[in-house]
Amino acid sequence: MLPIKPHLWFDQDAKQAAEFYASFMPDSAINYANHFSMPGDECEIVEFTIAGQSFFGISSGHKLGINPSISFMIHFDPSRDPEAAQHIDEIWNKLIENGKVLMPLDSYPFSERYGWVADKYGVSWQLILTNPTGEERPMIVPSLLFTEPMAGKANEAIDFYTSVFKDGKRGTTAPRPEDMGPDKAGTLMYADYYLDQTWLAAMDSAHQHGFGFNDAVSLLIPCETQEEIDYYWSALAADGEPGQCGWLKDKYGVSWQVASTVMLDALRNGSPEQIARVTQVFMTMKKVDIETLQQAYNGK
């Protein structure tokens, strides 16, 4: 079982975006970049690490439009970093360059230093000075915002996800104690949960945002066996929408990729001929078939 990897579909150069993040985020690097062809399109892919969290990025002629429905919380923990308050300001100033402030970097009831920004590539980040207790969290945590028709369903979704993933468990849960405008008592101000060695978070918002979950930010599950693929594909697609090439939308509209490590290895280490063979058969699949991908990789 391998950690979940956020997958970002950039409207612009994916490698350029990854290089931008790696230039100022701690513990960050470009792992590899490559290209492959789809019918009538050329795709650039990049795997990169930001603050210890692995990401995949892709860009092509198809522009999906990243929005704040899935953002990335950056925890600045003074118990681990004595200069956390300084570092939150430094990274904020990098992210707001040609970006858009969604919530100003300021003091709030839940944190003495917090801000929400969409950077120049459209990716949303929540920067927070934390005072954690209990189990330690990683610096970056993907956060799902349940809005529009999904508002109020974050708690139900967490129950669903933690039942699907064998290591699933809840962490912090902070429901609203009373009605707060359109947000009803009991809906989630914030909660976090653990799936596949990965911490994620969720929030409800019944305000009108004009966006919801889409394919521009998906959650990729790297599977090593066909049994894993079959299981996650069936469980997550239940009452949802199975898609093409291992993609699916679950019943809450969240996009997942149930992927094979054979495909990921081909994109990272394969020759141009191997990548072409693997992607050609991959494009014909809905649920991923590992044996067929491996045969294409091996040239059989």
Protein backbone atom coordinates (compact mmCIF):
# COMPACT_ATOMS: atom_id res chain seq x y z
CA MET A 1 0.00 0.00 0.00
CA LEU A 2 1.51 3.31 -1.15
CA PRO A 3 0.59 6.89 -0.17
CA ILE A 4 -2.02 8.84 -2.13
CA LYS A 5 -0.55 11.44 -4.49
CA PRO A 6 -2.40 14.65 -5.41
CA HIS A 7 -2.55 15.04 -9.20
CA LEU A 8 -2.71 18.57 -10.63
CA TRP A 9 -3.83 19.28 -14.20
CA PHE A 10 -2.25 22.63 -15.00
CA ASP A 11 -3.51 25.01 -17.69
CA GLN A 12 0.12 25.98 -18.26
CA ASP A 13 3.53 24.33 -18.23
CA ALA A 14 3.44 21.66 -15.49
CA LYS A 15 7.21 21.49 -15.08
CA GLN A 16 7.46 25.28 -14.79
CA ALA A 17 4.87 25.23 -11.99
CA ALA A 18 6.72 22.44 -10.17
CA GLU A 19 10.01 24.34 -10.46
CA PHE A 20 8.31 27.43 -9.02
CA TYR A 21 7.16 25.55 -5.90
CA ALA A 22 10.48 23.74 -5.45
CA SER A 23 12.36 27.05 -5.60
CA PHE A 24 11.07 28.23 -2.21
CA MET A 25 9.25 25.39 -0.43
CA PRO A 26 11.31 23.36 2.09
CA ASP A 27 12.21 19.72 1.42
CA SER A 28 11.19 20.07 -2.25
CA ALA A 29 12.53 18.73 -5.55
CA ILE A 30 11.65 17.81 -9.12
CA ASN A 31 11.74 14.01 -9.24
CA TYR A 32 11.37 13.65 -13.01
CA ALA A 33 9.67 15.21 -16.04
CA ASN A 34 8.67 13.55 -19.30
CA HIS A 35 6.30 13.75 -22.26
CA PHE A 36 3.83 11.41 -23.90
CA SER A 37 1.32 11.70 -26.71
CA MET A 38 -2.44 11.35 -26.67
CA PRO A 39 -4.53 11.41 -29.85
CA GLY A 40 -4.14 14.94 -31.18
CA ASP A 41 -2.33 16.14 -28.06
CA GLU A 42 1.09 16.24 -26.43
CA CYS A 43 1.24 15.95 -22.64
CA GLU A 44 3.95 17.05 -20.25
CA ILE A 45 4.13 15.23 -16.93
CA VAL A 46 6.18 15.93 -13.85
CA GLU A 47 6.52 14.25 -10.47
CA PHE A 48 7.67 16.59 -7.74
CA THR A 49 7.92 16.84 -3.97
CA ILE A 50 6.84 19.84 -1.89
CA ALA A 51 7.63 19.87 1.82
CA GLY A 52 7.89 16.08 1.74
CA GLN A 53 4.54 15.57 -0.06
CA SER A 54 4.73 13.88 -3.46
CA PHE A 55 2.65 15.35 -6.33
CA PHE A 56 2.01 14.57 -9.98
CA GLY A 57 1.47 17.34 -12.50
CA ILE A 58 0.31 17.27 -16.10
CA SER A 59 -0.34 19.87 -18.77
CA SER A 60 -1.73 19.46 -22.26
CA GLY A 61 -4.06 21.16 -24.71
CA HIS A 62 -7.00 20.33 -22.43
CA LYS A 63 -7.55 23.02 -19.80
CA LEU A 64 -9.66 21.80 -16.86
CA GLY A 65 -9.39 24.82 -14.55
CA ILE A 66 -8.02 24.26 -11.04
CA ASN A 67 -10.31 25.72 -8.36
CA PRO A 68 -10.24 25.92 -4.52
CA SER A 69 -12.47 22.86 -3.95
CA ILE A 70 -9.26 20.96 -3.21
CA SER A 71 -6.57 23.08 -1.60
CA PHE A 72 -3.36 22.29 0.24
CA MET A 73 -2.93 23.24 3.88
CA ILE A 74 0.64 24.15 4.85
CA HIS A 75 1.21 23.73 8.58
CA PHE A 76 3.81 25.94 10.18
CA ASP A 77 4.51 24.34 13.55
CA PRO A 78 6.55 26.40 16.05
CA SER A 79 7.34 23.24 18.02
CA ARG A 80 9.20 21.88 14.99
CA ASP A 81 10.34 25.18 13.46
CA PRO A 82 11.24 28.03 15.85
CA GLU A 83 11.02 30.45 12.91
CA ALA A 84 7.60 29.24 11.75
CA ALA A 85 6.01 32.70 12.03
CA GLN A 86 8.69 34.17 9.76
CA HIS A 87 8.52 31.31 7.27
CA ILE A 88 4.74 31.56 6.87
CA ASP A 89 5.14 35.19 5.76
CA GLU A 90 8.00 34.34 3.38
CA ILE A 91 6.07 31.57 1.62
CA TRP A 92 2.87 33.65 1.54
CA ASN A 93 4.74 36.44 -0.26
CA LYS A 94 5.93 33.97 -2.92
CA LEU A 95 2.48 32.46 -3.45
CA ILE A 96 0.64 35.78 -3.81
CA GLU A 97 2.86 36.92 -6.73
CA ASN A 98 0.33 37.26 -9.59
CA GLY A 99 -2.07 35.17 -7.48
CA LYS A 100 -5.36 35.89 -5.75
CA VAL A 101 -5.97 36.31 -2.02
CA LEU A 102 -9.00 34.28 -0.89
CA MET A 103 -8.59 35.04 2.84
CA PRO A 104 -5.97 37.60 3.97
CA LEU A 105 -3.00 36.47 6.01
CA ASP A 106 -4.17 37.62 9.43
CA SER A 107 -5.25 36.56 12.91
CA TYR A 108 -8.42 34.44 13.17
CA PRO A 109 -10.21 32.71 16.07
CA PHE A 110 -8.74 29.37 15.02
CA SER A 111 -5.16 30.57 14.42
CA GLU A 112 -3.09 33.63 15.16
CA ARG A 113 -1.70 33.50 11.61
CA TYR A 114 -3.68 32.10 8.67
CA GLY A 115 -4.31 32.93 5.02
CA TRP A 116 -5.77 31.32 1.88
CA VAL A 117 -4.36 32.11 -1.56
CA ALA A 118 -4.72 30.86 -5.13
CA ASP A 119 -1.30 31.13 -6.77
CA LYS A 120 -0.55 32.20 -10.35
CA TYR A 121 -1.19 28.64 -11.57
CA GLY A 122 -4.59 28.51 -9.86
CA VAL A 123 -3.53 26.10 -7.10
CA SER A 124 -5.01 27.00 -3.70
CA TRP A 125 -2.99 26.99 -0.50
CA GLN A 126 -4.05 27.49 3.11
CA LEU A 127 -1.16 28.65 5.28
CA ILE A 128 -1.67 28.21 9.02
CA LEU A 129 0.43 28.70 12.12
CA THR A 130 -0.47 25.67 14.21
CA ASN A 131 -0.32 24.73 17.86
CA PRO A 132 -0.74 20.97 17.47
CA THR A 133 -1.47 18.44 20.15
CA GLY A 134 -1.61 14.67 19.84
CA GLU A 135 -0.51 12.84 16.70
CA GLU A 136 1.85 14.82 14.48
CA ARG A 137 0.63 15.94 11.05
CA PRO A 138 2.73 16.40 7.91
CA MET A 139 3.51 19.92 6.73
CA ILE A 140 1.16 19.64 3.73
CA VAL A 141 -2.36 18.19 3.97
CA PRO A 142 -4.77 18.12 0.96
CA SER A 143 -8.09 19.67 2.00
CA LEU A 144 -11.50 19.02 0.40
CA LEU A 145 -14.15 21.76 0.51
CA PHE A 146 -17.70 20.40 0.22
CA THR A 147 -19.75 23.14 -1.47
CA GLU A 148 -22.86 23.67 -3.58
CA PRO A 149 -24.96 20.43 -3.66
CA MET A 150 -22.31 18.62 -1.58
CA ALA A 151 -22.32 21.16 1.27
CA GLY A 152 -23.02 19.41 4.58
CA LYS A 153 -21.78 16.03 3.34
CA ALA A 154 -18.16 16.23 4.50
CA ASN A 155 -18.76 14.15 7.63
CA GLU A 156 -20.59 11.46 5.65
CA ALA A 157 -17.80 11.45 3.06
CA ILE A 158 -15.12 10.95 5.72
CA ASP A 159 -17.07 7.97 7.07
CA PHE A 160 -17.20 6.57 3.54
CA TYR A 161 -13.49 7.07 2.81
CA THR A 162 -12.31 5.65 6.14
CA SER A 163 -14.49 2.57 5.52
CA VAL A 164 -13.00 2.02 2.03
CA PHE A 165 -9.33 2.35 2.95
CA LYS A 166 -8.12 -0.42 5.22
CA ASP A 167 -5.93 1.89 7.33
CA GLY A 168 -8.60 4.62 7.37
CA LYS A 169 -9.12 6.53 10.61
CA ARG A 170 -10.39 9.88 11.84
CA GLY A 171 -8.27 12.54 13.45
CA THR A 172 -9.52 15.92 14.61
CA THR A 173 -13.23 16.72 14.15
CA ALA A 174 -14.62 20.24 14.68
CA PRO A 175 -18.37 20.52 13.90
CA ARG A 176 -20.19 23.84 14.03
CA PRO A 177 -21.80 24.21 17.46
CA GLU A 178 -24.71 26.25 16.04
CA ASP A 179 -26.05 27.61 12.79
CA MET A 180 -23.64 30.09 11.22
CA GLY A 181 -25.42 31.82 8.36
CA PRO A 182 -26.16 29.23 5.68
CA ASP A 183 -23.92 26.68 7.41
CA LYS A 184 -25.96 24.50 9.75
CA ALA A 185 -25.03 23.25 13.21
CA GLY A 186 -23.18 19.95 13.05
CA THR A 187 -21.62 20.55 9.63
CA LEU A 188 -17.84 20.52 9.60
CA MET A 189 -15.77 23.61 10.15
CA TYR A 190 -12.79 21.27 9.86
CA ALA A 191 -11.85 17.62 10.21
CA ASP A 192 -8.89 15.53 9.19
CA TYR A 193 -8.58 11.82 8.45
CA TYR A 194 -6.00 9.25 7.40
CA LEU A 195 -6.09 7.08 4.25
CA ASP A 196 -3.30 5.05 2.63
CA GLN A 197 -0.54 6.58 4.79
CA THR A 198 -1.86 10.03 3.87
CA TRP A 199 -3.50 12.73 5.99
CA LEU A 200 -6.33 14.66 4.33
CA ALA A 201 -8.79 17.27 5.62
CA ALA A 202 -12.39 18.27 4.86
CA MET A 203 -14.66 21.25 5.42
CA ASP A 204 -18.29 22.15 4.64
CA SER A 205 -19.38 25.49 3.20
CA ALA A 206 -22.97 26.25 2.23
CA HIS A 207 -22.06 29.69 0.88
CA GLN A 208 -22.30 30.23 -2.88
CA HIS A 209 -18.81 29.68 -4.25
CA GLY A 210 -19.48 28.95 -7.91
CA PHE A 211 -17.17 25.95 -7.97
CA GLY A 212 -17.11 22.31 -6.94
CA PHE A 213 -14.90 19.26 -7.31
CA ASN A 214 -13.57 18.60 -10.81
CA ASP A 215 -10.86 16.59 -12.58
CA ALA A 216 -8.26 19.38 -12.39
CA VAL A 217 -7.23 18.16 -8.94
CA SER A 218 -7.61 14.43 -8.37
CA LEU A 219 -6.29 11.96 -5.81
CA LEU A 220 -4.11 9.23 -7.31
CA ILE A 221 -3.91 5.81 -5.66
CA PRO A 222 -0.75 3.93 -6.79
CA CYS A 223 -1.69 0.22 -6.86
CA GLU A 224 0.84 -2.59 -7.04
CA THR A 225 -1.59 -5.45 -7.75
CA GLN A 226 -4.70 -6.03 -9.84
CA GLU A 227 -6.51 -7.00 -6.64
CA GLU A 228 -5.91 -3.49 -5.26
CA ILE A 229 -7.11 -1.88 -8.51
CA ASP A 230 -10.25 -4.01 -8.62
CA TYR A 231 -11.05 -3.23 -4.99
CA TYR A 232 -10.58 0.56 -5.09
CA TRP A 233 -12.23 0.91 -8.50
CA SER A 234 -15.34 -0.93 -7.33
CA ALA A 235 -15.53 0.71 -3.90
CA LEU A 236 -14.93 4.32 -4.93
CA ALA A 237 -17.02 4.21 -8.11
CA ALA A 238 -20.08 2.86 -6.26
CA ASP A 239 -22.94 5.33 -6.93
CA GLY A 240 -20.38 7.51 -8.71
CA GLU A 241 -19.11 7.77 -12.29
CA PRO A 242 -16.47 5.37 -13.63
CA GLY A 243 -14.32 7.12 -16.21
CA GLN A 244 -11.49 6.46 -18.65
CA CYS A 245 -7.85 5.54 -17.94
CA GLY A 246 -8.40 4.66 -14.29
CA TRP A 247 -10.21 7.92 -13.50
CA LEU A 248 -13.50 7.98 -11.62
CA LYS A 249 -15.71 10.36 -9.70
CA ASP A 250 -17.02 9.11 -6.38
CA LYS A 251 -20.57 9.78 -5.19
CA TYR A 252 -19.48 13.14 -3.75
CA GLY A 253 -17.94 14.30 -7.03
CA VAL A 254 -14.32 13.90 -5.93
CA SER A 255 -12.02 12.68 -8.73
CA TRP A 256 -9.72 9.71 -8.09
CA GLN A 257 -7.21 7.89 -10.25
CA VAL A 258 -6.86 4.18 -9.49
CA ALA A 259 -3.43 3.80 -11.08
CA SER A 260 -0.88 1.05 -11.63
CA THR A 261 2.74 1.35 -10.53
CA VAL A 262 3.60 -0.26 -13.91
CA MET A 263 2.27 2.84 -15.69
CA LEU A 264 4.02 5.17 -13.26
CA ASP A 265 7.32 3.29 -13.68
CA ALA A 266 7.00 3.43 -17.47
CA LEU A 267 6.49 7.20 -17.41
CA ARG A 268 9.49 7.66 -15.14
CA ASN A 269 11.98 5.09 -16.45
CA GLY A 270 10.70 3.85 -19.82
CA SER A 271 12.23 4.57 -23.21
CA PRO A 272 10.22 6.71 -25.65
CA GLU A 273 9.15 3.50 -27.41
CA GLN A 274 8.04 1.85 -24.15
CA ILE A 275 6.11 4.96 -23.09
CA ALA A 276 4.39 5.10 -26.48
CA ARG A 277 3.34 1.43 -26.27
CA VAL A 278 2.11 1.70 -22.70
CA THR A 279 0.15 4.93 -23.23
CA GLN A 280 -1.42 3.53 -26.42
CA VAL A 281 -3.00 0.61 -24.59
CA PHE A 282 -3.66 2.71 -21.50
CA MET A 283 -5.88 5.07 -23.51
CA THR A 284 -8.20 2.17 -24.39
CA MET A 285 -8.83 1.24 -20.73
CA LYS A 286 -11.44 2.25 -18.23
CA LYS A 287 -10.40 0.21 -15.19
CA VAL A 288 -6.65 -0.37 -15.45
CA ASP A 289 -5.43 -3.84 -16.44
CA ILE A 290 -1.93 -4.38 -15.05
CA GLU A 291 -1.09 -7.47 -17.14
CA THR A 292 -1.88 -5.67 -20.40
CA LEU A 293 0.21 -2.67 -19.34
CA GLN A 294 3.13 -4.90 -18.36
CA GLN A 295 3.01 -6.73 -21.68
CA ALA A 296 3.08 -3.39 -23.53
CA TYR A 297 5.98 -2.21 -21.36
CA ASN A 298 7.90 -5.41 -22.14
CA GLY A 299 7.11 -5.17 -25.85
CA LYS A 300 5.02 -8.34 -26.00
